[in-house]
Amino acid sequence: MRAYNKIKPIMMGLALIVCSMNSNAITLQSLQNTLSQHAVVRGDFSQQRVMALFSTPLLSSGTFLLADNHGLIWQQSVPFPTQLRLTKEKLSQSFDDGEPQIMTAKENPMAFYFSHIFLSLFRGDTDQLHKDFRTELSGDDQEWTLSLIPKSAPLNAVFSMIEVTGSSYISRVQLIEIKGDSSIISFNNQSSTPIALTTKEIAAFDF
């Protein structure tokens, strides 16, 4: 009994640690709740693309805006200006100051399919992701990793795995392709305020 009384405080301390760990464990539902709470996300991105045809990685960087009920604006500034704008109905892409190329989902369904998979990642739409991937989630609410293994074509013909890491926002996305190429996209300086879009931002979605 004396021995038990001596170790009892230690056991209680361990129990508290275990309970604390369990309370912070991440689940797909809590991950979806965390990511979907941001109606607007602005930030910077940097991308490193490794390709078998090139001896050094291809680097690019810029800014992005994701807004519910509007879509995504992906503004690359390095190595050259490129802008991609995506809504539910249309996609616009322009290089430097050239005329934007605009297409609809009917005109290029594959481009829209891959683009909206990307949006599902950002919004934490785990219901949609379940349809296309086998999911493996690890970590806690401070640092989690979501591994996505494509179930069927066309995704499994392009990617062997997509790995997403983050906390309250997505901080990194790694895309590993079947043919051996890969891309790592890192996100920084993210903010969900101000919620209201500027006049210029709203106009950018109008095309």
N, C-alpha and C. Protein backbone atom coordinates (compact mmCIF):
# COMPACT_ATOMS: atom_id res chain seq x y z
N MET A 1 0.82 -1.20 0.00
CA MET A 1 0.00 0.00 0.00
C MET A 1 0.86 1.25 0.00
N ARG A 2 1.97 1.22 0.83
CA ARG A 2 2.85 2.38 0.85
C ARG A 2 3.47 2.62 -0.52
N ALA A 3 3.85 1.52 -1.17
CA ALA A 3 4.45 1.63 -2.50
C ALA A 3 3.45 2.23 -3.48
N TYR A 4 2.18 1.79 -3.38
CA TYR A 4 1.14 2.32 -4.27
C TYR A 4 0.94 3.81 -4.03
N ASN A 5 0.94 4.20 -2.71
CA ASN A 5 0.75 5.61 -2.40
C ASN A 5 1.88 6.47 -2.95
N LYS A 6 3.08 5.89 -3.03
CA LYS A 6 4.22 6.64 -3.55
C LYS A 6 4.12 6.86 -5.06
N ILE A 7 3.64 5.82 -5.75
CA ILE A 7 3.59 5.93 -7.21
C ILE A 7 2.27 6.52 -7.70
N LYS A 8 1.29 6.65 -6.79
CA LYS A 8 -0.02 7.17 -7.18
C LYS A 8 0.08 8.55 -7.82
N PRO A 9 0.84 9.51 -7.22
CA PRO A 9 0.94 10.83 -7.87
C PRO A 9 1.54 10.74 -9.27
N ILE A 10 2.51 9.83 -9.45
CA ILE A 10 3.12 9.67 -10.77
C ILE A 10 2.11 9.16 -11.76
N MET A 11 1.30 8.15 -11.34
CA MET A 11 0.27 7.59 -12.22
C MET A 11 -0.75 8.65 -12.59
N MET A 12 -1.13 9.46 -11.62
CA MET A 12 -2.12 10.51 -11.90
C MET A 12 -1.56 11.53 -12.89
N GLY A 13 -0.25 11.83 -12.71
CA GLY A 13 0.38 12.77 -13.63
C GLY A 13 0.42 12.24 -15.05
N LEU A 14 0.74 10.95 -15.18
CA LEU A 14 0.77 10.32 -16.49
C LEU A 14 -0.62 10.31 -17.12
N ALA A 15 -1.62 10.05 -16.30
CA ALA A 15 -3.00 10.03 -16.80
C ALA A 15 -3.40 11.40 -17.34
N LEU A 16 -2.99 12.46 -16.63
CA LEU A 16 -3.31 13.81 -17.10
C LEU A 16 -2.63 14.11 -18.42
N ILE A 17 -1.37 13.64 -18.57
CA ILE A 17 -0.64 13.86 -19.82
C ILE A 17 -1.35 13.15 -20.97
N VAL A 18 -1.75 11.89 -20.74
CA VAL A 18 -2.43 11.11 -21.77
C VAL A 18 -3.74 11.77 -22.17
N CYS A 19 -4.50 12.22 -21.17
CA CYS A 19 -5.78 12.88 -21.46
C CYS A 19 -5.55 14.16 -22.26
N SER A 20 -4.49 14.90 -21.88
CA SER A 20 -4.18 16.12 -22.60
C SER A 20 -3.82 15.82 -24.04
N MET A 21 -3.04 14.76 -24.26
CA MET A 21 -2.66 14.38 -25.61
C MET A 21 -3.88 13.99 -26.43
N ASN A 22 -4.79 13.24 -25.82
CA ASN A 22 -5.98 12.80 -26.54
C ASN A 22 -6.89 13.96 -26.89
N SER A 23 -6.95 14.96 -26.00
CA SER A 23 -7.85 16.08 -26.26
C SER A 23 -7.37 16.91 -27.44
N ASN A 24 -6.05 16.87 -27.73
CA ASN A 24 -5.51 17.65 -28.83
C ASN A 24 -5.37 16.85 -30.11
N ALA A 25 -5.67 15.57 -30.06
CA ALA A 25 -5.52 14.73 -31.24
C ALA A 25 -6.43 15.24 -32.36
N ILE A 26 -5.89 15.29 -33.56
CA ILE A 26 -6.64 15.81 -34.70
C ILE A 26 -7.49 14.72 -35.32
N THR A 27 -8.67 15.08 -35.74
CA THR A 27 -9.54 14.18 -36.50
C THR A 27 -9.91 14.87 -37.80
N LEU A 28 -10.41 14.11 -38.76
CA LEU A 28 -10.80 14.71 -40.03
C LEU A 28 -11.89 15.76 -39.84
N GLN A 29 -12.81 15.51 -38.92
CA GLN A 29 -13.88 16.47 -38.68
C GLN A 29 -13.34 17.76 -38.07
N SER A 30 -12.43 17.62 -37.08
CA SER A 30 -11.87 18.83 -36.47
C SER A 30 -10.97 19.58 -37.44
N LEU A 31 -10.29 18.83 -38.32
CA LEU A 31 -9.48 19.48 -39.35
C LEU A 31 -10.36 20.28 -40.31
N GLN A 32 -11.46 19.68 -40.72
CA GLN A 32 -12.39 20.39 -41.60
C GLN A 32 -12.94 21.63 -40.91
N ASN A 33 -13.29 21.50 -39.63
CA ASN A 33 -13.80 22.65 -38.89
C ASN A 33 -12.78 23.78 -38.81
N THR A 34 -11.50 23.40 -38.61
CA THR A 34 -10.44 24.40 -38.49
C THR A 34 -10.24 25.16 -39.79
N LEU A 35 -10.12 24.43 -40.90
CA LEU A 35 -9.80 25.06 -42.17
C LEU A 35 -11.00 25.80 -42.76
N SER A 36 -12.20 25.29 -42.54
CA SER A 36 -13.38 25.90 -43.14
C SER A 36 -13.84 27.16 -42.41
N GLN A 37 -13.26 27.43 -41.23
CA GLN A 37 -13.68 28.62 -40.48
C GLN A 37 -13.16 29.91 -41.11
N HIS A 38 -12.17 29.77 -42.02
CA HIS A 38 -11.60 30.96 -42.67
C HIS A 38 -12.36 31.25 -43.96
N ALA A 39 -13.22 32.26 -43.95
CA ALA A 39 -13.96 32.61 -45.16
C ALA A 39 -13.06 33.24 -46.21
N VAL A 40 -11.99 33.88 -45.73
CA VAL A 40 -11.01 34.52 -46.62
C VAL A 40 -9.61 34.20 -46.11
N VAL A 41 -8.73 33.82 -47.01
CA VAL A 41 -7.32 33.60 -46.65
C VAL A 41 -6.45 34.31 -47.68
N ARG A 42 -5.58 35.18 -47.18
CA ARG A 42 -4.59 35.85 -48.02
C ARG A 42 -3.21 35.44 -47.54
N GLY A 43 -2.25 35.37 -48.46
CA GLY A 43 -0.91 35.00 -48.03
C GLY A 43 0.08 34.97 -49.17
N ASP A 44 1.29 34.53 -48.85
CA ASP A 44 2.36 34.37 -49.83
C ASP A 44 2.60 32.88 -50.08
N PHE A 45 3.09 32.56 -51.26
CA PHE A 45 3.46 31.18 -51.54
C PHE A 45 4.83 31.14 -52.21
N SER A 46 5.52 30.04 -52.02
CA SER A 46 6.75 29.76 -52.77
C SER A 46 6.68 28.30 -53.19
N GLN A 47 7.09 28.04 -54.41
CA GLN A 47 6.98 26.69 -54.96
C GLN A 47 8.34 26.21 -55.48
N GLN A 48 8.64 24.97 -55.18
CA GLN A 48 9.85 24.32 -55.68
C GLN A 48 9.43 23.08 -56.46
N ARG A 49 9.73 23.07 -57.74
CA ARG A 49 9.35 21.95 -58.59
C ARG A 49 10.60 21.21 -59.06
N VAL A 50 10.65 19.93 -58.76
CA VAL A 50 11.77 19.08 -59.16
C VAL A 50 11.34 18.22 -60.33
N MET A 51 12.08 18.35 -61.44
CA MET A 51 11.74 17.61 -62.65
C MET A 51 12.97 16.87 -63.17
N ALA A 52 12.74 15.67 -63.68
CA ALA A 52 13.84 14.85 -64.17
C ALA A 52 14.59 15.51 -65.32
N LEU A 53 13.91 16.36 -66.07
CA LEU A 53 14.52 16.99 -67.24
C LEU A 53 15.47 18.13 -66.87
N PHE A 54 15.40 18.62 -65.61
CA PHE A 54 16.21 19.75 -65.20
C PHE A 54 17.11 19.36 -64.03
N SER A 55 18.34 19.89 -64.04
CA SER A 55 19.31 19.54 -63.00
C SER A 55 19.06 20.29 -61.70
N THR A 56 18.42 21.45 -61.77
CA THR A 56 18.11 22.22 -60.58
C THR A 56 16.60 22.45 -60.47
N PRO A 57 16.08 22.61 -59.27
CA PRO A 57 14.64 22.83 -59.09
C PRO A 57 14.18 24.14 -59.73
N LEU A 58 12.94 24.16 -60.18
CA LEU A 58 12.33 25.37 -60.71
C LEU A 58 11.62 26.08 -59.55
N LEU A 59 11.96 27.34 -59.34
CA LEU A 59 11.44 28.08 -58.19
C LEU A 59 10.49 29.18 -58.65
N SER A 60 9.42 29.35 -57.92
CA SER A 60 8.48 30.43 -58.20
C SER A 60 7.87 30.91 -56.88
N SER A 61 7.33 32.12 -56.90
CA SER A 61 6.73 32.67 -55.68
C SER A 61 5.75 33.76 -56.05
N GLY A 62 4.91 34.11 -55.08
CA GLY A 62 3.91 35.15 -55.31
C GLY A 62 2.94 35.24 -54.16
N THR A 63 1.74 35.67 -54.45
CA THR A 63 0.69 35.83 -53.45
C THR A 63 -0.58 35.10 -53.89
N PHE A 64 -1.46 34.86 -52.94
CA PHE A 64 -2.73 34.22 -53.28
C PHE A 64 -3.85 34.78 -52.41
N LEU A 65 -5.05 34.63 -52.94
CA LEU A 65 -6.28 35.01 -52.22
C LEU A 65 -7.31 33.92 -52.45
N LEU A 66 -7.81 33.36 -51.37
CA LEU A 66 -8.89 32.38 -51.43
C LEU A 66 -10.08 32.95 -50.71
N ALA A 67 -11.22 33.05 -51.39
CA ALA A 67 -12.41 33.65 -50.80
C ALA A 67 -13.62 32.79 -51.09
N ASP A 68 -14.32 32.40 -50.02
CA ASP A 68 -15.56 31.65 -50.19
C ASP A 68 -16.54 32.47 -51.03
N ASN A 69 -17.34 31.75 -51.83
CA ASN A 69 -18.34 32.35 -52.70
C ASN A 69 -17.72 33.16 -53.85
N HIS A 70 -16.39 33.16 -53.94
CA HIS A 70 -15.74 33.84 -55.05
C HIS A 70 -14.80 32.87 -55.78
N GLY A 71 -13.74 32.43 -55.10
CA GLY A 71 -12.80 31.50 -55.72
C GLY A 71 -11.38 31.76 -55.29
N LEU A 72 -10.45 31.58 -56.22
CA LEU A 72 -9.02 31.66 -55.93
C LEU A 72 -8.33 32.58 -56.93
N ILE A 73 -7.46 33.44 -56.41
CA ILE A 73 -6.56 34.23 -57.26
C ILE A 73 -5.13 33.84 -56.89
N TRP A 74 -4.39 33.36 -57.88
CA TRP A 74 -3.01 32.89 -57.69
C TRP A 74 -2.11 33.81 -58.51
N GLN A 75 -1.38 34.70 -57.83
CA GLN A 75 -0.63 35.75 -58.49
C GLN A 75 0.88 35.47 -58.35
N GLN A 76 1.47 34.88 -59.39
CA GLN A 76 2.91 34.62 -59.37
C GLN A 76 3.67 35.87 -59.81
N SER A 77 4.74 36.20 -59.08
CA SER A 77 5.58 37.35 -59.44
C SER A 77 6.98 36.95 -59.86
N VAL A 78 7.47 35.80 -59.39
CA VAL A 78 8.81 35.29 -59.71
C VAL A 78 8.68 33.86 -60.21
N PRO A 79 9.33 33.49 -61.32
CA PRO A 79 10.34 34.23 -62.09
C PRO A 79 9.75 35.21 -63.11
N PHE A 80 8.45 35.12 -63.39
CA PHE A 80 7.80 36.07 -64.29
C PHE A 80 6.34 36.18 -63.87
N PRO A 81 5.71 37.31 -64.16
CA PRO A 81 4.32 37.52 -63.72
C PRO A 81 3.34 36.58 -64.41
N THR A 82 2.54 35.92 -63.59
CA THR A 82 1.46 35.05 -64.08
C THR A 82 0.29 35.18 -63.12
N GLN A 83 -0.91 35.24 -63.67
CA GLN A 83 -2.08 35.31 -62.81
C GLN A 83 -3.09 34.23 -63.21
N LEU A 84 -3.53 33.49 -62.21
CA LEU A 84 -4.59 32.50 -62.42
C LEU A 84 -5.77 32.88 -61.53
N ARG A 85 -6.95 32.96 -62.14
CA ARG A 85 -8.18 33.26 -61.39
C ARG A 85 -9.16 32.12 -61.63
N LEU A 86 -9.72 31.63 -60.54
CA LEU A 86 -10.62 30.47 -60.61
C LEU A 86 -11.91 30.74 -59.85
N THR A 87 -13.03 30.56 -60.53
CA THR A 87 -14.34 30.61 -59.89
C THR A 87 -15.02 29.25 -60.13
N LYS A 88 -16.26 29.12 -59.71
CA LYS A 88 -16.97 27.86 -59.92
C LYS A 88 -17.22 27.60 -61.40
N GLU A 89 -17.40 28.67 -62.17
CA GLU A 89 -17.78 28.52 -63.57
C GLU A 89 -16.65 28.72 -64.57
N LYS A 90 -15.64 29.54 -64.19
CA LYS A 90 -14.63 29.92 -65.17
C LYS A 90 -13.22 29.92 -64.59
N LEU A 91 -12.26 29.83 -65.50
CA LEU A 91 -10.84 29.89 -65.14
C LEU A 91 -10.16 30.85 -66.10
N SER A 92 -9.35 31.76 -65.56
CA SER A 92 -8.63 32.72 -66.37
C SER A 92 -7.15 32.63 -66.05
N GLN A 93 -6.32 32.62 -67.10
CA GLN A 93 -4.88 32.59 -66.90
C GLN A 93 -4.21 33.59 -67.85
N SER A 94 -3.31 34.39 -67.31
CA SER A 94 -2.60 35.37 -68.12
C SER A 94 -1.12 35.38 -67.76
N PHE A 95 -0.28 35.67 -68.75
CA PHE A 95 1.17 35.72 -68.58
C PHE A 95 1.65 37.14 -68.87
N ASP A 96 2.50 37.67 -67.97
CA ASP A 96 2.96 39.05 -68.08
C ASP A 96 1.73 39.97 -68.23
N ASP A 97 1.72 40.79 -69.23
CA ASP A 97 0.57 41.68 -69.46
C ASP A 97 -0.25 41.22 -70.65
N GLY A 98 -0.12 39.92 -70.99
CA GLY A 98 -0.84 39.39 -72.13
C GLY A 98 -2.33 39.26 -71.89
N GLU A 99 -3.05 39.03 -72.97
CA GLU A 99 -4.50 38.87 -72.89
C GLU A 99 -4.85 37.60 -72.12
N PRO A 100 -5.75 37.68 -71.15
CA PRO A 100 -6.12 36.49 -70.38
C PRO A 100 -6.75 35.41 -71.25
N GLN A 101 -6.42 34.17 -70.97
CA GLN A 101 -7.07 33.03 -71.61
C GLN A 101 -8.16 32.55 -70.67
N ILE A 102 -9.40 32.60 -71.12
CA ILE A 102 -10.54 32.26 -70.28
C ILE A 102 -11.19 30.98 -70.81
N MET A 103 -11.48 30.06 -69.89
CA MET A 103 -12.14 28.81 -70.29
C MET A 103 -13.19 28.45 -69.26
N THR A 104 -14.14 27.67 -69.68
CA THR A 104 -15.20 27.19 -68.80
C THR A 104 -14.98 25.72 -68.48
N ALA A 105 -15.73 25.22 -67.51
CA ALA A 105 -15.61 23.81 -67.15
C ALA A 105 -15.99 22.90 -68.31
N LYS A 106 -16.92 23.36 -69.12
CA LYS A 106 -17.34 22.56 -70.27
C LYS A 106 -16.24 22.48 -71.32
N GLU A 107 -15.48 23.57 -71.47
CA GLU A 107 -14.42 23.62 -72.47
C GLU A 107 -13.19 22.82 -72.05
N ASN A 108 -12.88 22.82 -70.75
CA ASN A 108 -11.71 22.09 -70.26
C ASN A 108 -12.02 21.47 -68.91
N PRO A 109 -12.80 20.38 -68.91
CA PRO A 109 -13.21 19.77 -67.64
C PRO A 109 -12.06 19.27 -66.79
N MET A 110 -10.95 18.81 -67.43
CA MET A 110 -9.83 18.27 -66.67
C MET A 110 -9.13 19.36 -65.86
N ALA A 111 -8.96 20.54 -66.46
CA ALA A 111 -8.34 21.65 -65.75
C ALA A 111 -9.17 22.05 -64.53
N PHE A 112 -10.48 22.06 -64.69
CA PHE A 112 -11.37 22.40 -63.59
C PHE A 112 -11.36 21.33 -62.51
N TYR A 113 -11.25 20.09 -62.93
CA TYR A 113 -11.23 18.98 -61.96
C TYR A 113 -10.04 19.12 -61.02
N PHE A 114 -8.85 19.30 -61.59
CA PHE A 114 -7.65 19.42 -60.77
C PHE A 114 -7.66 20.70 -59.95
N SER A 115 -8.16 21.78 -60.51
CA SER A 115 -8.21 23.05 -59.79
C SER A 115 -9.13 22.98 -58.58
N HIS A 116 -10.27 22.32 -58.74
CA HIS A 116 -11.22 22.25 -57.62
C HIS A 116 -10.80 21.23 -56.56
N ILE A 117 -9.97 20.25 -56.95
CA ILE A 117 -9.35 19.38 -55.93
C ILE A 117 -8.46 20.23 -55.04
N PHE A 118 -7.70 21.15 -55.65
CA PHE A 118 -6.83 22.05 -54.90
C PHE A 118 -7.64 22.92 -53.95
N LEU A 119 -8.78 23.42 -54.41
CA LEU A 119 -9.64 24.23 -53.56
C LEU A 119 -10.20 23.41 -52.40
N SER A 120 -10.51 22.14 -52.66
CA SER A 120 -11.02 21.27 -51.60
C SER A 120 -9.99 21.11 -50.49
N LEU A 121 -8.71 21.05 -50.86
CA LEU A 121 -7.65 20.97 -49.87
C LEU A 121 -7.65 22.20 -48.98
N PHE A 122 -7.68 23.37 -49.59
CA PHE A 122 -7.63 24.61 -48.83
C PHE A 122 -8.82 24.78 -47.90
N ARG A 123 -9.98 24.35 -48.36
CA ARG A 123 -11.19 24.54 -47.56
C ARG A 123 -11.39 23.43 -46.54
N GLY A 124 -10.52 22.41 -46.58
CA GLY A 124 -10.68 21.31 -45.66
C GLY A 124 -11.94 20.51 -45.92
N ASP A 125 -12.33 20.43 -47.19
CA ASP A 125 -13.54 19.71 -47.58
C ASP A 125 -13.24 18.21 -47.59
N THR A 126 -13.24 17.61 -46.41
CA THR A 126 -12.86 16.20 -46.30
C THR A 126 -13.88 15.28 -46.95
N ASP A 127 -15.14 15.70 -47.03
CA ASP A 127 -16.14 14.88 -47.71
C ASP A 127 -15.78 14.71 -49.19
N GLN A 128 -15.38 15.81 -49.81
CA GLN A 128 -14.98 15.75 -51.21
C GLN A 128 -13.68 14.98 -51.38
N LEU A 129 -12.74 15.18 -50.47
CA LEU A 129 -11.45 14.49 -50.56
C LEU A 129 -11.62 12.99 -50.41
N HIS A 130 -12.57 12.56 -49.57
CA HIS A 130 -12.82 11.13 -49.38
C HIS A 130 -13.25 10.46 -50.68
N LYS A 131 -13.90 11.21 -51.54
CA LYS A 131 -14.38 10.63 -52.80
C LYS A 131 -13.22 10.29 -53.74
N ASP A 132 -12.12 11.06 -53.62
CA ASP A 132 -11.02 10.92 -54.57
C ASP A 132 -9.77 10.28 -53.97
N PHE A 133 -9.66 10.25 -52.63
CA PHE A 133 -8.43 9.78 -52.00
C PHE A 133 -8.70 8.83 -50.84
N ARG A 134 -7.71 7.99 -50.58
CA ARG A 134 -7.59 7.33 -49.29
C ARG A 134 -6.83 8.29 -48.39
N THR A 135 -7.34 8.54 -47.21
CA THR A 135 -6.74 9.57 -46.35
C THR A 135 -6.10 8.96 -45.12
N GLU A 136 -4.95 9.53 -44.74
CA GLU A 136 -4.26 9.15 -43.51
C GLU A 136 -3.88 10.44 -42.78
N LEU A 137 -4.41 10.61 -41.57
CA LEU A 137 -4.21 11.85 -40.81
C LEU A 137 -3.46 11.54 -39.52
N SER A 138 -2.43 12.34 -39.25
CA SER A 138 -1.66 12.15 -38.01
C SER A 138 -1.33 13.52 -37.43
N GLY A 139 -0.90 13.52 -36.14
CA GLY A 139 -0.53 14.76 -35.46
C GLY A 139 -1.62 15.28 -34.56
N ASP A 140 -1.52 16.55 -34.21
CA ASP A 140 -2.51 17.19 -33.34
C ASP A 140 -2.90 18.53 -33.94
N ASP A 141 -3.67 19.31 -33.17
CA ASP A 141 -4.18 20.56 -33.73
C ASP A 141 -3.10 21.62 -33.87
N GLN A 142 -1.91 21.39 -33.30
CA GLN A 142 -0.80 22.31 -33.45
C GLN A 142 0.06 22.01 -34.67
N GLU A 143 0.10 20.74 -35.06
CA GLU A 143 0.87 20.33 -36.24
C GLU A 143 0.33 18.99 -36.73
N TRP A 144 -0.25 19.00 -37.92
CA TRP A 144 -0.85 17.78 -38.45
C TRP A 144 -0.35 17.53 -39.87
N THR A 145 -0.48 16.27 -40.28
CA THR A 145 -0.11 15.86 -41.63
C THR A 145 -1.23 15.01 -42.21
N LEU A 146 -1.69 15.39 -43.39
CA LEU A 146 -2.74 14.65 -44.09
C LEU A 146 -2.14 14.08 -45.37
N SER A 147 -2.10 12.74 -45.45
CA SER A 147 -1.60 12.07 -46.65
C SER A 147 -2.78 11.62 -47.48
N LEU A 148 -2.73 11.92 -48.77
CA LEU A 148 -3.82 11.61 -49.69
C LEU A 148 -3.30 10.69 -50.80
N ILE A 149 -3.87 9.49 -50.88
CA ILE A 149 -3.49 8.54 -51.91
C ILE A 149 -4.64 8.43 -52.90
N PRO A 150 -4.42 8.81 -54.17
CA PRO A 150 -5.51 8.79 -55.15
C PRO A 150 -6.12 7.41 -55.31
N LYS A 151 -7.46 7.38 -55.42
CA LYS A 151 -8.17 6.11 -55.57
C LYS A 151 -8.28 5.67 -57.02
N SER A 152 -8.48 6.62 -57.91
CA SER A 152 -8.81 6.25 -59.29
C SER A 152 -8.38 7.34 -60.26
N ALA A 153 -8.56 7.06 -61.55
CA ALA A 153 -8.22 8.02 -62.61
C ALA A 153 -9.16 9.22 -62.53
N PRO A 154 -8.70 10.40 -62.93
CA PRO A 154 -7.37 10.64 -63.51
C PRO A 154 -6.28 10.93 -62.50
N LEU A 155 -6.63 11.07 -61.22
CA LEU A 155 -5.64 11.46 -60.22
C LEU A 155 -4.53 10.42 -60.07
N ASN A 156 -4.90 9.12 -60.03
CA ASN A 156 -3.87 8.10 -59.82
C ASN A 156 -2.99 7.87 -61.04
N ALA A 157 -3.34 8.52 -62.14
CA ALA A 157 -2.47 8.46 -63.32
C ALA A 157 -1.43 9.58 -63.29
N VAL A 158 -1.62 10.54 -62.38
CA VAL A 158 -0.70 11.69 -62.27
C VAL A 158 0.07 11.67 -60.96
N PHE A 159 -0.64 11.47 -59.84
CA PHE A 159 -0.02 11.57 -58.52
C PHE A 159 0.02 10.21 -57.82
N SER A 160 1.15 9.94 -57.16
CA SER A 160 1.21 8.76 -56.29
C SER A 160 0.75 9.14 -54.88
N MET A 161 1.00 10.41 -54.48
CA MET A 161 0.56 10.87 -53.16
C MET A 161 0.61 12.38 -53.10
N ILE A 162 -0.29 12.94 -52.32
CA ILE A 162 -0.26 14.36 -51.98
C ILE A 162 -0.21 14.45 -50.46
N GLU A 163 0.78 15.18 -49.95
CA GLU A 163 0.93 15.31 -48.49
C GLU A 163 0.74 16.76 -48.09
N VAL A 164 -0.16 16.98 -47.14
CA VAL A 164 -0.51 18.33 -46.69
C VAL A 164 -0.18 18.45 -45.22
N THR A 165 0.50 19.52 -44.83
CA THR A 165 0.80 19.76 -43.42
C THR A 165 0.32 21.16 -43.03
N GLY A 166 0.05 21.34 -41.75
CA GLY A 166 -0.40 22.65 -41.30
C GLY A 166 -0.77 22.66 -39.84
N SER A 167 -1.42 23.76 -39.44
CA SER A 167 -1.97 23.92 -38.09
C SER A 167 -3.33 24.58 -38.24
N SER A 168 -3.43 25.88 -37.98
CA SER A 168 -4.71 26.56 -38.22
C SER A 168 -4.89 26.89 -39.70
N TYR A 169 -3.77 26.96 -40.43
CA TYR A 169 -3.78 27.10 -41.88
C TYR A 169 -2.94 25.98 -42.48
N ILE A 170 -3.10 25.74 -43.76
CA ILE A 170 -2.21 24.83 -44.48
C ILE A 170 -0.88 25.54 -44.67
N SER A 171 0.21 24.88 -44.29
CA SER A 171 1.53 25.51 -44.41
C SER A 171 2.36 24.92 -45.55
N ARG A 172 2.02 23.70 -45.98
CA ARG A 172 2.85 23.05 -46.99
C ARG A 172 2.05 21.98 -47.72
N VAL A 173 2.23 21.93 -49.04
CA VAL A 173 1.62 20.88 -49.85
C VAL A 173 2.71 20.27 -50.72
N GLN A 174 2.86 18.97 -50.64
CA GLN A 174 3.83 18.26 -51.48
C GLN A 174 3.07 17.34 -52.43
N LEU A 175 3.33 17.51 -53.72
CA LEU A 175 2.69 16.67 -54.73
C LEU A 175 3.74 15.76 -55.34
N ILE A 176 3.57 14.46 -55.17
CA ILE A 176 4.52 13.48 -55.69
C ILE A 176 3.89 12.78 -56.88
N GLU A 177 4.52 12.92 -58.03
CA GLU A 177 3.94 12.41 -59.26
C GLU A 177 4.42 11.00 -59.58
N ILE A 178 3.62 10.30 -60.35
CA ILE A 178 3.91 8.92 -60.73
C ILE A 178 5.25 8.82 -61.46
N LYS A 179 5.52 9.77 -62.33
CA LYS A 179 6.72 9.71 -63.16
C LYS A 179 7.99 10.16 -62.43
N GLY A 180 7.86 10.53 -61.15
CA GLY A 180 9.03 10.87 -60.35
C GLY A 180 9.22 12.34 -60.08
N ASP A 181 8.54 13.22 -60.81
CA ASP A 181 8.63 14.65 -60.54
C ASP A 181 7.86 14.99 -59.26
N SER A 182 8.18 16.11 -58.66
CA SER A 182 7.47 16.51 -57.44
C SER A 182 7.46 18.02 -57.29
N SER A 183 6.51 18.50 -56.52
CA SER A 183 6.40 19.94 -56.23
C SER A 183 6.14 20.12 -54.74
N ILE A 184 6.78 21.13 -54.17
CA ILE A 184 6.52 21.51 -52.78
C ILE A 184 6.08 22.97 -52.77
N ILE A 185 4.89 23.23 -52.27
CA ILE A 185 4.35 24.59 -52.18
C ILE A 185 4.28 24.96 -50.70
N SER A 186 4.97 26.03 -50.33
CA SER A 186 4.96 26.51 -48.94
C SER A 186 4.16 27.80 -48.86
N PHE A 187 3.39 27.95 -47.79
CA PHE A 187 2.53 29.11 -47.60
C PHE A 187 2.96 29.86 -46.33
N ASN A 188 3.06 31.19 -46.46
CA ASN A 188 3.50 32.02 -45.34
C ASN A 188 2.66 33.29 -45.25
N ASN A 189 2.79 33.96 -44.09
CA ASN A 189 2.13 35.25 -43.86
C ASN A 189 0.64 35.18 -44.16
N GLN A 190 0.00 34.10 -43.74
CA GLN A 190 -1.42 33.93 -44.02
C GLN A 190 -2.28 34.68 -43.01
N SER A 191 -3.40 35.21 -43.51
CA SER A 191 -4.31 35.96 -42.66
C SER A 191 -5.74 35.79 -43.16
N SER A 192 -6.67 35.76 -42.24
CA SER A 192 -8.09 35.66 -42.61
C SER A 192 -8.82 36.98 -42.38
N THR A 193 -8.05 38.04 -42.17
CA THR A 193 -8.64 39.37 -42.02
C THR A 193 -7.91 40.34 -42.95
N PRO A 194 -8.58 41.36 -43.44
CA PRO A 194 -10.02 41.62 -43.25
C PRO A 194 -10.87 40.65 -44.06
N ILE A 195 -12.04 40.35 -43.53
CA ILE A 195 -12.95 39.41 -44.19
C ILE A 195 -13.50 40.01 -45.48
N ALA A 196 -13.82 41.31 -45.43
CA ALA A 196 -14.39 41.97 -46.61
C ALA A 196 -13.32 42.12 -47.69
N LEU A 197 -13.68 41.78 -48.92
CA LEU A 197 -12.76 41.95 -50.04
C LEU A 197 -12.73 43.42 -50.46
N THR A 198 -11.58 43.83 -50.97
CA THR A 198 -11.47 45.19 -51.49
C THR A 198 -12.18 45.28 -52.84
N THR A 199 -12.42 46.50 -53.30
CA THR A 199 -13.06 46.70 -54.61
C THR A 199 -12.22 46.05 -55.71
N LYS A 200 -10.90 46.16 -55.61
CA LYS A 200 -10.00 45.58 -56.61
C LYS A 200 -10.08 44.05 -56.59
N GLU A 201 -10.16 43.46 -55.41
CA GLU A 201 -10.23 42.01 -55.29
C GLU A 201 -11.55 41.48 -55.89
N ILE A 202 -12.64 42.16 -55.58
CA ILE A 202 -13.94 41.75 -56.12
C ILE A 202 -13.93 41.84 -57.64
N ALA A 203 -13.32 42.92 -58.15
CA ALA A 203 -13.27 43.09 -59.61
C ALA A 203 -12.44 42.00 -60.28
N ALA A 204 -11.42 41.49 -59.58
CA ALA A 204 -10.58 40.44 -60.16
C ALA A 204 -11.34 39.15 -60.41
N PHE A 205 -12.40 38.91 -59.64
CA PHE A 205 -13.21 37.70 -59.84
C PHE A 205 -14.27 37.88 -60.90
N ASP A 206 -14.39 39.08 -61.41
CA ASP A 206 -15.41 39.37 -62.41
C ASP A 206 -14.77 39.32 -63.81
N PHE A 207 -14.87 38.16 -64.45
CA PHE A 207 -14.29 38.02 -65.79
C PHE A 207 -15.14 37.06 -66.62
